[in-house]
Amino acid sequence: KCDGNLSLVSHCRSGLHVPSAPVSDLRLVLVGWAGVGKSSSGNTILGRNAFRTSPPFGPPFGRSSCCLQRGNVFSREVTVIDTPALPETSDPEVRKEIRCINRSAPAPHAILLVVRLGFLTTHVEETVKQLEKMFGENVWRRTMILFTYQNQAEPDIQRKLKENENQLTLLFSKVGNRFQVLNNNPHHRDVQQVWDLLFEVKKMLVAFSLKPGR
């Protein structure tokens, strides 16, 4: 759902820029394969059910277009853009939307590559290819891996990463080993994890002296 917010489809198809937010806002784009928890991550970050998610044990909900939601998080306006699952982003209309988002003013500050912890796909090289097609080869300067899970107890992160070291090597080399972990349990929002995520995004921007879109 995109209740009460702008339709990215109509703006992008008409050739208009997405309405810009104040420069002080933080703009995040969620990308990833189906079932990894992109929409749930958006809900966790914003602290409300902003995006439609798949029912438990049901088939994954397939988003056909980008969806934007905004909210006040720790006294700062945060914009989250949820994108269709890879490889649906190869669709020409979807790719046009993403180009529109990327060129808007201000453009996204960070790309969050969402990966479900413990269920890594074998599509690592295709993921790299898709992101570079969507956002350009410089996308990795503002990309961070967001590992998700949905349990009350926090998993042993280091053990999980070690178990999947082979699949992660390429991605970690691309993003400079930047990652955060997010518990998407709808009944237990870990506020500290959200704080840490936004803090690390800001650190990433400072480290590269990035302005939106660079």
N, C-alpha and C. Protein backbone atom coordinates (compact mmCIF):
# COMPACT_ATOMS: atom_id res chain seq x y z
N LYS A 1 0.84 -1.20 0.00
CA LYS A 1 0.00 0.00 0.00
C LYS A 1 0.87 1.24 0.00
N CYS A 2 0.33 2.31 -0.50
CA CYS A 2 1.01 3.60 -0.50
C CYS A 2 0.00 4.65 -0.06
N ASP A 3 -0.71 4.37 1.02
CA ASP A 3 -1.81 5.22 1.45
C ASP A 3 -1.37 6.65 1.69
N GLY A 4 -2.08 7.58 1.07
CA GLY A 4 -1.89 8.99 1.36
C GLY A 4 -0.61 9.58 0.84
N ASN A 5 0.11 8.88 -0.03
CA ASN A 5 1.36 9.39 -0.54
C ASN A 5 1.33 9.47 -2.05
N LEU A 6 2.35 10.12 -2.61
CA LEU A 6 2.38 10.34 -4.04
C LEU A 6 2.54 9.05 -4.80
N SER A 7 2.05 9.03 -6.01
CA SER A 7 2.24 7.89 -6.90
C SER A 7 3.50 8.14 -7.71
N LEU A 8 4.53 7.36 -7.47
CA LEU A 8 5.76 7.52 -8.23
C LEU A 8 5.54 7.20 -9.69
N VAL A 9 4.61 6.27 -9.96
CA VAL A 9 4.36 5.87 -11.34
C VAL A 9 3.89 7.06 -12.17
N SER A 10 2.91 7.79 -11.67
CA SER A 10 2.34 8.88 -12.44
C SER A 10 3.36 9.99 -12.67
N HIS A 11 4.18 10.29 -11.65
CA HIS A 11 5.18 11.34 -11.81
C HIS A 11 6.25 10.93 -12.81
N CYS A 12 6.72 9.70 -12.71
CA CYS A 12 7.82 9.28 -13.58
C CYS A 12 7.37 9.07 -15.01
N ARG A 13 6.18 8.54 -15.19
CA ARG A 13 5.70 8.31 -16.55
C ARG A 13 5.38 9.62 -17.26
N SER A 14 5.07 10.66 -16.49
CA SER A 14 4.78 11.94 -17.11
C SER A 14 6.05 12.74 -17.35
N GLY A 15 7.19 12.19 -16.91
CA GLY A 15 8.46 12.88 -17.14
C GLY A 15 8.78 13.89 -16.07
N LEU A 16 7.99 13.96 -15.00
CA LEU A 16 8.23 14.91 -13.93
C LEU A 16 9.14 14.31 -12.89
N HIS A 17 9.84 15.18 -12.15
CA HIS A 17 10.64 14.71 -11.03
C HIS A 17 9.73 14.35 -9.87
N VAL A 18 10.18 13.41 -9.05
CA VAL A 18 9.47 13.13 -7.80
C VAL A 18 9.56 14.37 -6.94
N PRO A 19 8.44 14.83 -6.32
CA PRO A 19 8.49 16.01 -5.46
C PRO A 19 9.61 15.88 -4.44
N SER A 20 10.42 16.92 -4.34
CA SER A 20 11.59 16.83 -3.48
C SER A 20 11.23 17.08 -2.02
N ALA A 21 12.03 16.48 -1.16
CA ALA A 21 11.90 16.69 0.27
C ALA A 21 12.95 17.69 0.70
N PRO A 22 12.82 18.29 1.88
CA PRO A 22 13.85 19.20 2.37
C PRO A 22 15.21 18.51 2.38
N VAL A 23 16.26 19.28 2.17
CA VAL A 23 17.60 18.72 2.08
C VAL A 23 17.99 18.00 3.36
N SER A 24 17.46 18.42 4.50
CA SER A 24 17.82 17.81 5.78
C SER A 24 17.21 16.43 5.94
N ASP A 25 16.24 16.08 5.08
CA ASP A 25 15.63 14.76 5.17
C ASP A 25 16.64 13.68 4.79
N LEU A 26 16.38 12.48 5.28
CA LEU A 26 17.18 11.32 4.92
C LEU A 26 16.36 10.46 3.99
N ARG A 27 16.89 10.19 2.80
CA ARG A 27 16.15 9.44 1.78
C ARG A 27 16.83 8.09 1.55
N LEU A 28 16.07 7.01 1.77
CA LEU A 28 16.60 5.66 1.68
C LEU A 28 15.84 4.87 0.62
N VAL A 29 16.55 4.07 -0.17
CA VAL A 29 15.93 3.20 -1.16
C VAL A 29 16.21 1.75 -0.77
N LEU A 30 15.15 0.93 -0.72
CA LEU A 30 15.27 -0.48 -0.39
C LEU A 30 15.27 -1.31 -1.67
N VAL A 31 16.29 -2.14 -1.85
CA VAL A 31 16.36 -3.03 -3.01
C VAL A 31 16.68 -4.44 -2.54
N GLY A 32 16.27 -5.44 -3.31
CA GLY A 32 16.57 -6.82 -2.95
C GLY A 32 15.63 -7.79 -3.65
N TRP A 33 15.87 -9.08 -3.46
CA TRP A 33 15.07 -10.12 -4.08
C TRP A 33 13.79 -10.34 -3.29
N ALA A 34 12.86 -11.09 -3.87
CA ALA A 34 11.57 -11.34 -3.23
C ALA A 34 11.76 -12.13 -1.93
N GLY A 35 10.97 -11.76 -0.93
CA GLY A 35 10.96 -12.51 0.32
C GLY A 35 12.07 -12.19 1.30
N VAL A 36 12.86 -11.14 1.02
CA VAL A 36 13.97 -10.83 1.92
C VAL A 36 13.58 -9.87 3.04
N GLY A 37 12.39 -9.25 2.92
CA GLY A 37 11.94 -8.35 3.98
C GLY A 37 12.13 -6.88 3.68
N LYS A 38 12.08 -6.50 2.40
CA LYS A 38 12.23 -5.08 2.05
C LYS A 38 11.13 -4.23 2.64
N SER A 39 9.88 -4.60 2.36
CA SER A 39 8.74 -3.82 2.84
C SER A 39 8.68 -3.82 4.37
N SER A 40 8.96 -4.97 4.97
CA SER A 40 8.97 -5.05 6.43
C SER A 40 10.05 -4.15 7.02
N SER A 41 11.19 -4.05 6.33
CA SER A 41 12.26 -3.17 6.79
C SER A 41 11.81 -1.71 6.75
N GLY A 42 11.09 -1.35 5.69
CA GLY A 42 10.55 0.01 5.61
C GLY A 42 9.62 0.30 6.77
N ASN A 43 8.78 -0.67 7.11
CA ASN A 43 7.86 -0.50 8.24
C ASN A 43 8.62 -0.37 9.56
N THR A 44 9.67 -1.18 9.72
CA THR A 44 10.46 -1.12 10.95
C THR A 44 11.15 0.23 11.08
N ILE A 45 11.72 0.71 10.00
CA ILE A 45 12.41 2.00 10.03
C ILE A 45 11.46 3.13 10.38
N LEU A 46 10.28 3.14 9.75
CA LEU A 46 9.32 4.23 9.96
C LEU A 46 8.49 4.04 11.22
N GLY A 47 8.48 2.83 11.77
CA GLY A 47 7.73 2.59 13.00
C GLY A 47 6.24 2.49 12.82
N ARG A 48 5.81 2.11 11.62
CA ARG A 48 4.38 1.95 11.35
C ARG A 48 4.21 1.04 10.13
N ASN A 49 2.98 0.58 9.90
CA ASN A 49 2.70 -0.27 8.75
C ASN A 49 2.50 0.58 7.50
N ALA A 50 3.60 1.10 6.99
CA ALA A 50 3.55 2.00 5.84
C ALA A 50 3.45 1.24 4.52
N PHE A 51 4.09 0.08 4.45
CA PHE A 51 4.13 -0.71 3.22
C PHE A 51 3.40 -2.03 3.40
N ARG A 52 2.72 -2.46 2.35
CA ARG A 52 2.05 -3.75 2.37
C ARG A 52 3.08 -4.87 2.37
N THR A 53 2.86 -5.88 3.23
CA THR A 53 3.79 -7.00 3.32
C THR A 53 3.05 -8.31 3.06
N SER A 54 3.81 -9.36 2.80
CA SER A 54 3.22 -10.68 2.55
C SER A 54 2.70 -11.27 3.86
N PRO A 55 1.57 -12.00 3.82
CA PRO A 55 1.06 -12.65 5.03
C PRO A 55 1.98 -13.77 5.47
N PRO A 56 2.01 -14.09 6.78
CA PRO A 56 2.85 -15.19 7.25
C PRO A 56 2.50 -16.49 6.52
N PHE A 57 3.51 -17.19 6.07
CA PHE A 57 3.36 -18.48 5.38
C PHE A 57 2.59 -18.36 4.06
N GLY A 58 2.35 -17.14 3.60
CA GLY A 58 1.66 -16.94 2.33
C GLY A 58 2.65 -16.64 1.22
N PRO A 59 2.15 -16.56 -0.01
CA PRO A 59 3.04 -16.24 -1.14
C PRO A 59 3.55 -14.81 -1.02
N PRO A 60 4.78 -14.54 -1.48
CA PRO A 60 5.32 -13.19 -1.41
C PRO A 60 4.45 -12.19 -2.16
N PHE A 61 4.27 -11.02 -1.56
CA PHE A 61 3.53 -9.95 -2.22
C PHE A 61 4.44 -9.30 -3.25
N GLY A 62 4.00 -9.29 -4.50
CA GLY A 62 4.82 -8.73 -5.57
C GLY A 62 4.47 -7.28 -5.85
N ARG A 63 5.40 -6.38 -5.52
CA ARG A 63 5.18 -4.96 -5.82
C ARG A 63 5.51 -4.71 -7.28
N SER A 64 4.61 -4.03 -7.99
CA SER A 64 4.82 -3.81 -9.42
C SER A 64 5.41 -2.43 -9.72
N SER A 65 5.46 -1.57 -8.72
CA SER A 65 6.02 -0.23 -8.92
C SER A 65 6.65 0.24 -7.62
N CYS A 66 7.40 1.32 -7.70
CA CYS A 66 8.03 1.86 -6.51
C CYS A 66 6.99 2.52 -5.61
N CYS A 67 7.25 2.52 -4.33
CA CYS A 67 6.32 3.11 -3.36
C CYS A 67 7.11 3.94 -2.37
N LEU A 68 6.67 5.16 -2.13
CA LEU A 68 7.37 6.09 -1.24
C LEU A 68 6.52 6.38 -0.01
N GLN A 69 7.16 6.35 1.15
CA GLN A 69 6.51 6.72 2.40
C GLN A 69 7.47 7.58 3.22
N ARG A 70 6.90 8.49 3.99
CA ARG A 70 7.71 9.37 4.84
C ARG A 70 7.26 9.27 6.28
N GLY A 71 8.18 9.58 7.18
CA GLY A 71 7.83 9.58 8.59
C GLY A 71 8.88 10.31 9.40
N ASN A 72 8.52 10.65 10.63
CA ASN A 72 9.44 11.31 11.56
C ASN A 72 10.10 10.23 12.41
N VAL A 73 11.40 10.10 12.28
CA VAL A 73 12.15 9.08 13.01
C VAL A 73 13.26 9.77 13.80
N PHE A 74 13.18 9.69 15.11
CA PHE A 74 14.16 10.35 15.98
C PHE A 74 14.27 11.84 15.64
N SER A 75 13.11 12.48 15.49
CA SER A 75 13.02 13.93 15.24
C SER A 75 13.63 14.34 13.90
N ARG A 76 13.68 13.41 12.97
CA ARG A 76 14.18 13.72 11.64
C ARG A 76 13.27 13.10 10.60
N GLU A 77 12.96 13.86 9.54
CA GLU A 77 12.13 13.32 8.48
C GLU A 77 12.91 12.29 7.67
N VAL A 78 12.34 11.11 7.54
CA VAL A 78 12.98 10.03 6.79
C VAL A 78 12.04 9.60 5.67
N THR A 79 12.56 9.55 4.46
CA THR A 79 11.81 9.07 3.30
C THR A 79 12.33 7.69 2.93
N VAL A 80 11.42 6.73 2.80
CA VAL A 80 11.79 5.37 2.42
C VAL A 80 11.09 5.02 1.11
N ILE A 81 11.85 4.54 0.15
CA ILE A 81 11.31 4.13 -1.15
C ILE A 81 11.50 2.63 -1.29
N ASP A 82 10.38 1.92 -1.39
CA ASP A 82 10.40 0.46 -1.57
C ASP A 82 10.29 0.17 -3.07
N THR A 83 11.16 -0.68 -3.57
CA THR A 83 11.19 -0.99 -5.00
C THR A 83 10.70 -2.41 -5.26
N PRO A 84 10.26 -2.71 -6.49
CA PRO A 84 9.91 -4.09 -6.83
C PRO A 84 11.10 -5.02 -6.62
N ALA A 85 10.81 -6.28 -6.37
CA ALA A 85 11.88 -7.24 -6.13
C ALA A 85 12.73 -7.45 -7.37
N LEU A 86 14.01 -7.68 -7.17
CA LEU A 86 14.85 -8.12 -8.27
C LEU A 86 14.36 -9.50 -8.71
N PRO A 87 14.32 -9.85 -10.00
CA PRO A 87 14.78 -9.04 -11.13
C PRO A 87 13.68 -8.23 -11.80
N GLU A 88 12.51 -8.06 -11.10
CA GLU A 88 11.42 -7.29 -11.70
C GLU A 88 11.84 -5.86 -12.02
N THR A 89 12.93 -5.40 -11.38
CA THR A 89 13.42 -4.05 -11.66
C THR A 89 13.97 -3.92 -13.08
N SER A 90 14.06 -5.05 -13.80
CA SER A 90 14.50 -4.99 -15.20
C SER A 90 13.40 -4.48 -16.12
N ASP A 91 12.16 -4.48 -15.63
CA ASP A 91 11.04 -3.99 -16.42
C ASP A 91 11.29 -2.54 -16.82
N PRO A 92 11.11 -2.19 -18.10
CA PRO A 92 11.43 -0.83 -18.57
C PRO A 92 10.72 0.27 -17.79
N GLU A 93 9.44 0.06 -17.43
CA GLU A 93 8.70 1.09 -16.70
C GLU A 93 9.24 1.25 -15.29
N VAL A 94 9.57 0.13 -14.66
CA VAL A 94 10.13 0.19 -13.31
C VAL A 94 11.50 0.87 -13.34
N ARG A 95 12.31 0.51 -14.33
CA ARG A 95 13.63 1.12 -14.44
C ARG A 95 13.53 2.63 -14.69
N LYS A 96 12.50 3.03 -15.42
CA LYS A 96 12.27 4.45 -15.66
C LYS A 96 11.94 5.16 -14.35
N GLU A 97 11.12 4.51 -13.52
CA GLU A 97 10.79 5.08 -12.21
C GLU A 97 12.04 5.26 -11.37
N ILE A 98 12.89 4.23 -11.34
CA ILE A 98 14.08 4.27 -10.50
C ILE A 98 15.03 5.36 -10.98
N ARG A 99 15.15 5.53 -12.30
CA ARG A 99 15.98 6.62 -12.83
C ARG A 99 15.43 7.96 -12.39
N CYS A 100 14.10 8.07 -12.39
CA CYS A 100 13.45 9.31 -11.96
C CYS A 100 13.78 9.60 -10.51
N ILE A 101 13.68 8.56 -9.66
CA ILE A 101 13.99 8.72 -8.24
C ILE A 101 15.45 9.13 -8.06
N ASN A 102 16.33 8.49 -8.79
CA ASN A 102 17.76 8.72 -8.64
C ASN A 102 18.16 10.13 -9.08
N ARG A 103 17.39 10.70 -10.02
CA ARG A 103 17.74 12.03 -10.53
C ARG A 103 16.96 13.15 -9.86
N SER A 104 16.05 12.78 -8.96
CA SER A 104 15.25 13.80 -8.29
C SER A 104 16.15 14.61 -7.36
N ALA A 105 15.65 15.74 -6.91
CA ALA A 105 16.42 16.61 -6.04
C ALA A 105 15.71 16.77 -4.70
N PRO A 106 16.32 16.31 -3.60
CA PRO A 106 17.58 15.58 -3.57
C PRO A 106 17.39 14.11 -3.91
N ALA A 107 18.40 13.53 -4.53
CA ALA A 107 18.37 12.09 -4.85
C ALA A 107 18.58 11.29 -3.57
N PRO A 108 18.38 9.98 -3.62
CA PRO A 108 18.54 9.16 -2.41
C PRO A 108 19.92 9.30 -1.79
N HIS A 109 19.95 9.34 -0.46
CA HIS A 109 21.22 9.40 0.26
C HIS A 109 21.87 8.02 0.32
N ALA A 110 21.05 6.97 0.45
CA ALA A 110 21.62 5.63 0.64
C ALA A 110 20.75 4.58 -0.03
N ILE A 111 21.41 3.56 -0.57
CA ILE A 111 20.75 2.38 -1.11
C ILE A 111 20.96 1.25 -0.09
N LEU A 112 19.86 0.70 0.41
CA LEU A 112 19.95 -0.41 1.36
C LEU A 112 19.66 -1.71 0.61
N LEU A 113 20.69 -2.53 0.45
CA LEU A 113 20.54 -3.83 -0.20
C LEU A 113 20.09 -4.83 0.86
N VAL A 114 18.82 -5.22 0.80
CA VAL A 114 18.23 -6.05 1.85
C VAL A 114 18.49 -7.53 1.55
N VAL A 115 19.03 -8.22 2.54
CA VAL A 115 19.35 -9.65 2.43
C VAL A 115 18.81 -10.34 3.67
N ARG A 116 18.04 -11.39 3.48
CA ARG A 116 17.49 -12.13 4.62
C ARG A 116 18.58 -12.99 5.25
N LEU A 117 18.83 -12.78 6.51
CA LEU A 117 19.90 -13.47 7.20
C LEU A 117 19.65 -14.98 7.23
N GLY A 118 20.62 -15.75 6.79
CA GLY A 118 20.50 -17.19 6.80
C GLY A 118 19.86 -17.78 5.56
N PHE A 119 19.36 -16.92 4.66
CA PHE A 119 18.72 -17.40 3.44
C PHE A 119 19.27 -16.65 2.24
N LEU A 120 20.58 -16.63 2.13
CA LEU A 120 21.22 -15.91 1.03
C LEU A 120 20.98 -16.63 -0.28
N THR A 121 20.74 -15.87 -1.31
CA THR A 121 20.53 -16.46 -2.63
C THR A 121 21.88 -16.68 -3.31
N THR A 122 21.84 -17.37 -4.41
CA THR A 122 23.06 -17.58 -5.20
C THR A 122 23.17 -16.54 -6.31
N HIS A 123 22.31 -15.52 -6.25
CA HIS A 123 22.26 -14.53 -7.33
C HIS A 123 23.14 -13.32 -7.03
N VAL A 124 24.28 -13.53 -6.40
CA VAL A 124 25.11 -12.41 -5.98
C VAL A 124 25.60 -11.61 -7.18
N GLU A 125 26.14 -12.28 -8.19
CA GLU A 125 26.65 -11.57 -9.36
C GLU A 125 25.53 -10.84 -10.10
N GLU A 126 24.35 -11.45 -10.15
CA GLU A 126 23.21 -10.79 -10.80
C GLU A 126 22.76 -9.58 -10.00
N THR A 127 22.86 -9.66 -8.68
CA THR A 127 22.52 -8.52 -7.82
C THR A 127 23.43 -7.34 -8.12
N VAL A 128 24.72 -7.61 -8.21
CA VAL A 128 25.69 -6.56 -8.53
C VAL A 128 25.37 -5.94 -9.89
N LYS A 129 25.09 -6.77 -10.86
CA LYS A 129 24.78 -6.30 -12.21
C LYS A 129 23.53 -5.42 -12.21
N GLN A 130 22.49 -5.87 -11.51
CA GLN A 130 21.22 -5.13 -11.47
C GLN A 130 21.39 -3.76 -10.82
N LEU A 131 22.10 -3.70 -9.69
CA LEU A 131 22.26 -2.43 -9.00
C LEU A 131 23.05 -1.44 -9.84
N GLU A 132 24.08 -1.91 -10.51
CA GLU A 132 24.88 -1.01 -11.34
C GLU A 132 24.09 -0.52 -12.55
N LYS A 133 23.20 -1.36 -13.07
CA LYS A 133 22.34 -0.92 -14.17
C LYS A 133 21.35 0.15 -13.70
N MET A 134 20.82 -0.04 -12.49
CA MET A 134 19.80 0.88 -11.99
C MET A 134 20.38 2.22 -11.56
N PHE A 135 21.51 2.19 -10.85
CA PHE A 135 22.01 3.40 -10.21
C PHE A 135 23.38 3.85 -10.70
N GLY A 136 24.01 3.07 -11.59
CA GLY A 136 25.34 3.44 -12.07
C GLY A 136 26.44 2.75 -11.27
N GLU A 137 27.65 2.75 -11.82
CA GLU A 137 28.76 2.03 -11.19
C GLU A 137 29.18 2.64 -9.86
N ASN A 138 28.84 3.91 -9.62
CA ASN A 138 29.21 4.55 -8.35
C ASN A 138 28.22 4.25 -7.24
N VAL A 139 27.24 3.37 -7.50
CA VAL A 139 26.21 3.07 -6.52
C VAL A 139 26.79 2.56 -5.21
N TRP A 140 27.94 1.87 -5.28
CA TRP A 140 28.47 1.21 -4.08
C TRP A 140 28.98 2.19 -3.05
N ARG A 141 29.28 3.41 -3.45
CA ARG A 141 29.74 4.41 -2.49
C ARG A 141 28.64 4.78 -1.49
N ARG A 142 27.39 4.55 -1.88
CA ARG A 142 26.28 4.89 -0.98
C ARG A 142 25.36 3.69 -0.75
N THR A 143 25.95 2.49 -0.81
CA THR A 143 25.18 1.27 -0.59
C THR A 143 25.64 0.57 0.67
N MET A 144 24.68 0.04 1.41
CA MET A 144 24.94 -0.72 2.62
C MET A 144 24.08 -1.98 2.60
N ILE A 145 24.63 -3.11 3.05
CA ILE A 145 23.85 -4.33 3.16
C ILE A 145 23.02 -4.28 4.44
N LEU A 146 21.74 -4.60 4.31
CA LEU A 146 20.86 -4.65 5.48
C LEU A 146 20.38 -6.09 5.65
N PHE A 147 20.95 -6.78 6.64
CA PHE A 147 20.54 -8.15 6.93
C PHE A 147 19.28 -8.12 7.79
N THR A 148 18.30 -8.92 7.42
CA THR A 148 17.03 -8.92 8.15
C THR A 148 16.75 -10.30 8.75
N TYR A 149 15.99 -10.28 9.84
CA TYR A 149 15.48 -11.50 10.43
C TYR A 149 14.18 -11.14 11.14
N GLN A 150 13.44 -12.14 11.62
CA GLN A 150 12.14 -11.86 12.23
C GLN A 150 11.91 -12.81 13.40
N ASN A 151 12.74 -12.67 14.41
CA ASN A 151 12.62 -13.48 15.61
C ASN A 151 12.78 -12.59 16.84
N GLN A 152 12.31 -13.08 17.97
CA GLN A 152 12.50 -12.35 19.21
C GLN A 152 13.97 -12.35 19.61
N ALA A 153 14.63 -13.50 19.48
CA ALA A 153 16.02 -13.62 19.89
C ALA A 153 16.95 -13.24 18.74
N GLU A 154 17.93 -12.40 19.02
CA GLU A 154 18.88 -11.99 17.98
C GLU A 154 19.80 -13.15 17.65
N PRO A 155 19.96 -13.47 16.37
CA PRO A 155 20.83 -14.59 15.98
C PRO A 155 22.30 -14.25 16.17
N ASP A 156 23.12 -15.25 16.11
CA ASP A 156 24.57 -15.07 16.18
C ASP A 156 25.03 -14.54 14.82
N ILE A 157 25.16 -13.23 14.74
CA ILE A 157 25.44 -12.59 13.45
C ILE A 157 26.76 -13.06 12.86
N GLN A 158 27.80 -13.06 13.67
CA GLN A 158 29.12 -13.43 13.16
C GLN A 158 29.14 -14.87 12.65
N ARG A 159 28.43 -15.76 13.33
CA ARG A 159 28.38 -17.15 12.88
C ARG A 159 27.65 -17.25 11.54
N LYS A 160 26.54 -16.52 11.41
CA LYS A 160 25.78 -16.53 10.16
C LYS A 160 26.62 -15.99 9.00
N LEU A 161 27.37 -14.94 9.28
CA LEU A 161 28.20 -14.36 8.23
C LEU A 161 29.31 -15.33 7.83
N LYS A 162 29.87 -16.02 8.81
CA LYS A 162 30.94 -16.98 8.53
C LYS A 162 30.40 -18.13 7.68
N GLU A 163 29.19 -18.59 8.00
CA GLU A 163 28.58 -19.70 7.26
C GLU A 163 28.35 -19.34 5.79
N ASN A 164 28.13 -18.06 5.53
CA ASN A 164 27.82 -17.62 4.16
C ASN A 164 28.94 -16.76 3.57
N GLU A 165 30.15 -17.00 4.05
CA GLU A 165 31.29 -16.16 3.66
C GLU A 165 31.52 -16.15 2.16
N ASN A 166 31.39 -17.30 1.52
CA ASN A 166 31.66 -17.38 0.08
C ASN A 166 30.71 -16.51 -0.73
N GLN A 167 29.41 -16.55 -0.38
CA GLN A 167 28.44 -15.74 -1.12
C GLN A 167 28.61 -14.25 -0.84
N LEU A 168 29.09 -13.93 0.36
CA LEU A 168 29.13 -12.53 0.77
C LEU A 168 30.39 -11.80 0.33
N THR A 169 31.43 -12.53 -0.04
CA THR A 169 32.71 -11.90 -0.32
C THR A 169 32.60 -10.79 -1.36
N LEU A 170 31.93 -11.07 -2.48
CA LEU A 170 31.80 -10.08 -3.54
C LEU A 170 31.02 -8.86 -3.07
N LEU A 171 29.89 -9.09 -2.38
CA LEU A 171 29.07 -7.97 -1.93
C LEU A 171 29.82 -7.11 -0.92
N PHE A 172 30.49 -7.76 0.02
CA PHE A 172 31.23 -6.99 1.03
C PHE A 172 32.35 -6.18 0.39
N SER A 173 32.99 -6.73 -0.63
CA SER A 173 34.06 -5.98 -1.30
C SER A 173 33.49 -4.76 -2.01
N LYS A 174 32.27 -4.88 -2.52
CA LYS A 174 31.64 -3.77 -3.23
C LYS A 174 31.24 -2.65 -2.27
N VAL A 175 30.68 -3.01 -1.11
CA VAL A 175 30.14 -2.00 -0.18
C VAL A 175 31.14 -1.60 0.89
N GLY A 176 32.37 -2.08 0.80
CA GLY A 176 33.36 -1.72 1.81
C GLY A 176 33.04 -2.29 3.17
N ASN A 177 32.47 -3.50 3.20
CA ASN A 177 32.14 -4.21 4.45
C ASN A 177 31.10 -3.50 5.30
N ARG A 178 30.32 -2.61 4.70
CA ARG A 178 29.28 -1.91 5.47
C ARG A 178 28.02 -2.77 5.54
N PHE A 179 27.54 -2.99 6.76
CA PHE A 179 26.27 -3.71 6.91
C PHE A 179 25.65 -3.36 8.26
N GLN A 180 24.33 -3.55 8.31
CA GLN A 180 23.58 -3.42 9.56
C GLN A 180 22.58 -4.56 9.62
N VAL A 181 22.04 -4.80 10.80
CA VAL A 181 21.10 -5.89 11.02
C VAL A 181 19.80 -5.31 11.56
N LEU A 182 18.67 -5.83 11.08
CA LEU A 182 17.37 -5.30 11.49
C LEU A 182 16.41 -6.43 11.79
N ASN A 183 15.82 -6.38 12.98
CA ASN A 183 14.79 -7.34 13.38
C ASN A 183 13.45 -6.80 12.91
N ASN A 184 12.80 -7.51 11.99
CA ASN A 184 11.53 -7.05 11.43
C ASN A 184 10.32 -7.68 12.10
N ASN A 185 10.47 -8.16 13.32
CA ASN A 185 9.33 -8.69 14.05
C ASN A 185 8.34 -7.55 14.31
N PRO A 186 7.11 -7.63 13.76
CA PRO A 186 6.16 -6.52 13.90
C PRO A 186 5.73 -6.27 15.33
N HIS A 187 5.94 -7.24 16.21
CA HIS A 187 5.53 -7.09 17.61
C HIS A 187 6.68 -6.63 18.50
N HIS A 188 7.84 -6.44 17.91
CA HIS A 188 9.01 -6.06 18.72
C HIS A 188 9.93 -5.20 17.87
N ARG A 189 9.67 -3.90 17.82
CA ARG A 189 10.53 -2.99 17.05
C ARG A 189 11.75 -2.64 17.88
N ASP A 190 12.91 -3.02 17.39
CA ASP A 190 14.16 -2.74 18.08
C ASP A 190 14.60 -1.32 17.72
N VAL A 191 14.28 -0.38 18.58
CA VAL A 191 14.56 1.03 18.30
C VAL A 191 16.06 1.27 18.18
N GLN A 192 16.84 0.57 18.98
CA GLN A 192 18.29 0.76 18.94
C GLN A 192 18.85 0.36 17.57
N GLN A 193 18.32 -0.71 16.99
CA GLN A 193 18.78 -1.13 15.66
C GLN A 193 18.47 -0.07 14.61
N VAL A 194 17.30 0.53 14.70
CA VAL A 194 16.93 1.58 13.75
C VAL A 194 17.86 2.78 13.91
N TRP A 195 18.11 3.15 15.17
CA TRP A 195 19.04 4.26 15.46
C TRP A 195 20.42 3.95 14.86
N ASP A 196 20.92 2.74 15.10
CA ASP A 196 22.24 2.36 14.59
C ASP A 196 22.28 2.42 13.06
N LEU A 197 21.21 1.98 12.42
CA LEU A 197 21.16 2.00 10.96
C LEU A 197 21.28 3.42 10.43
N LEU A 198 20.47 4.33 10.95
CA LEU A 198 20.49 5.70 10.47
C LEU A 198 21.83 6.37 10.79
N PHE A 199 22.39 6.03 11.94
CA PHE A 199 23.70 6.58 12.31
C PHE A 199 24.78 6.13 11.33
N GLU A 200 24.75 4.84 10.96
CA GLU A 200 25.75 4.31 10.03
C GLU A 200 25.56 4.89 8.63
N VAL A 201 24.32 5.15 8.24
CA VAL A 201 24.07 5.80 6.95
C VAL A 201 24.71 7.18 6.93
N LYS A 202 24.52 7.94 8.01
CA LYS A 202 25.11 9.28 8.08
C LYS A 202 26.64 9.21 8.10
N LYS A 203 27.19 8.23 8.79
CA LYS A 203 28.65 8.04 8.79
C LYS A 203 29.16 7.75 7.39
N MET A 204 28.41 6.94 6.64
CA MET A 204 28.81 6.61 5.28
C MET A 204 28.85 7.86 4.41
N LEU A 205 27.86 8.72 4.56
CA LEU A 205 27.81 9.94 3.77
C LEU A 205 28.98 10.86 4.11
N VAL A 206 29.28 10.96 5.40
CA VAL A 206 30.39 11.81 5.83
C VAL A 206 31.72 11.26 5.32
N ALA A 207 31.88 9.93 5.40
CA ALA A 207 33.14 9.30 5.00
C ALA A 207 33.48 9.58 3.54
N PHE A 208 32.47 9.61 2.71
CA PHE A 208 32.69 9.84 1.28
C PHE A 208 32.39 11.28 0.88
N SER A 209 32.07 12.12 1.88
CA SER A 209 31.69 13.51 1.60
C SER A 209 30.64 13.56 0.51
N LEU A 210 29.65 12.67 0.63
CA LEU A 210 28.64 12.53 -0.41
C LEU A 210 27.52 13.52 -0.24
N LYS A 211 27.10 14.05 -1.35
CA LYS A 211 25.83 14.75 -1.42
C LYS A 211 24.86 13.83 -2.13
N PRO A 212 23.56 14.00 -1.94
CA PRO A 212 22.60 13.09 -2.58
C PRO A 212 22.85 12.95 -4.07
N GLY A 213 22.89 11.72 -4.54
CA GLY A 213 22.99 11.46 -5.96
C GLY A 213 24.39 11.31 -6.50
N ARG A 214 25.42 11.62 -5.69
CA ARG A 214 26.80 11.49 -6.20
C ARG A 214 27.34 10.08 -6.05
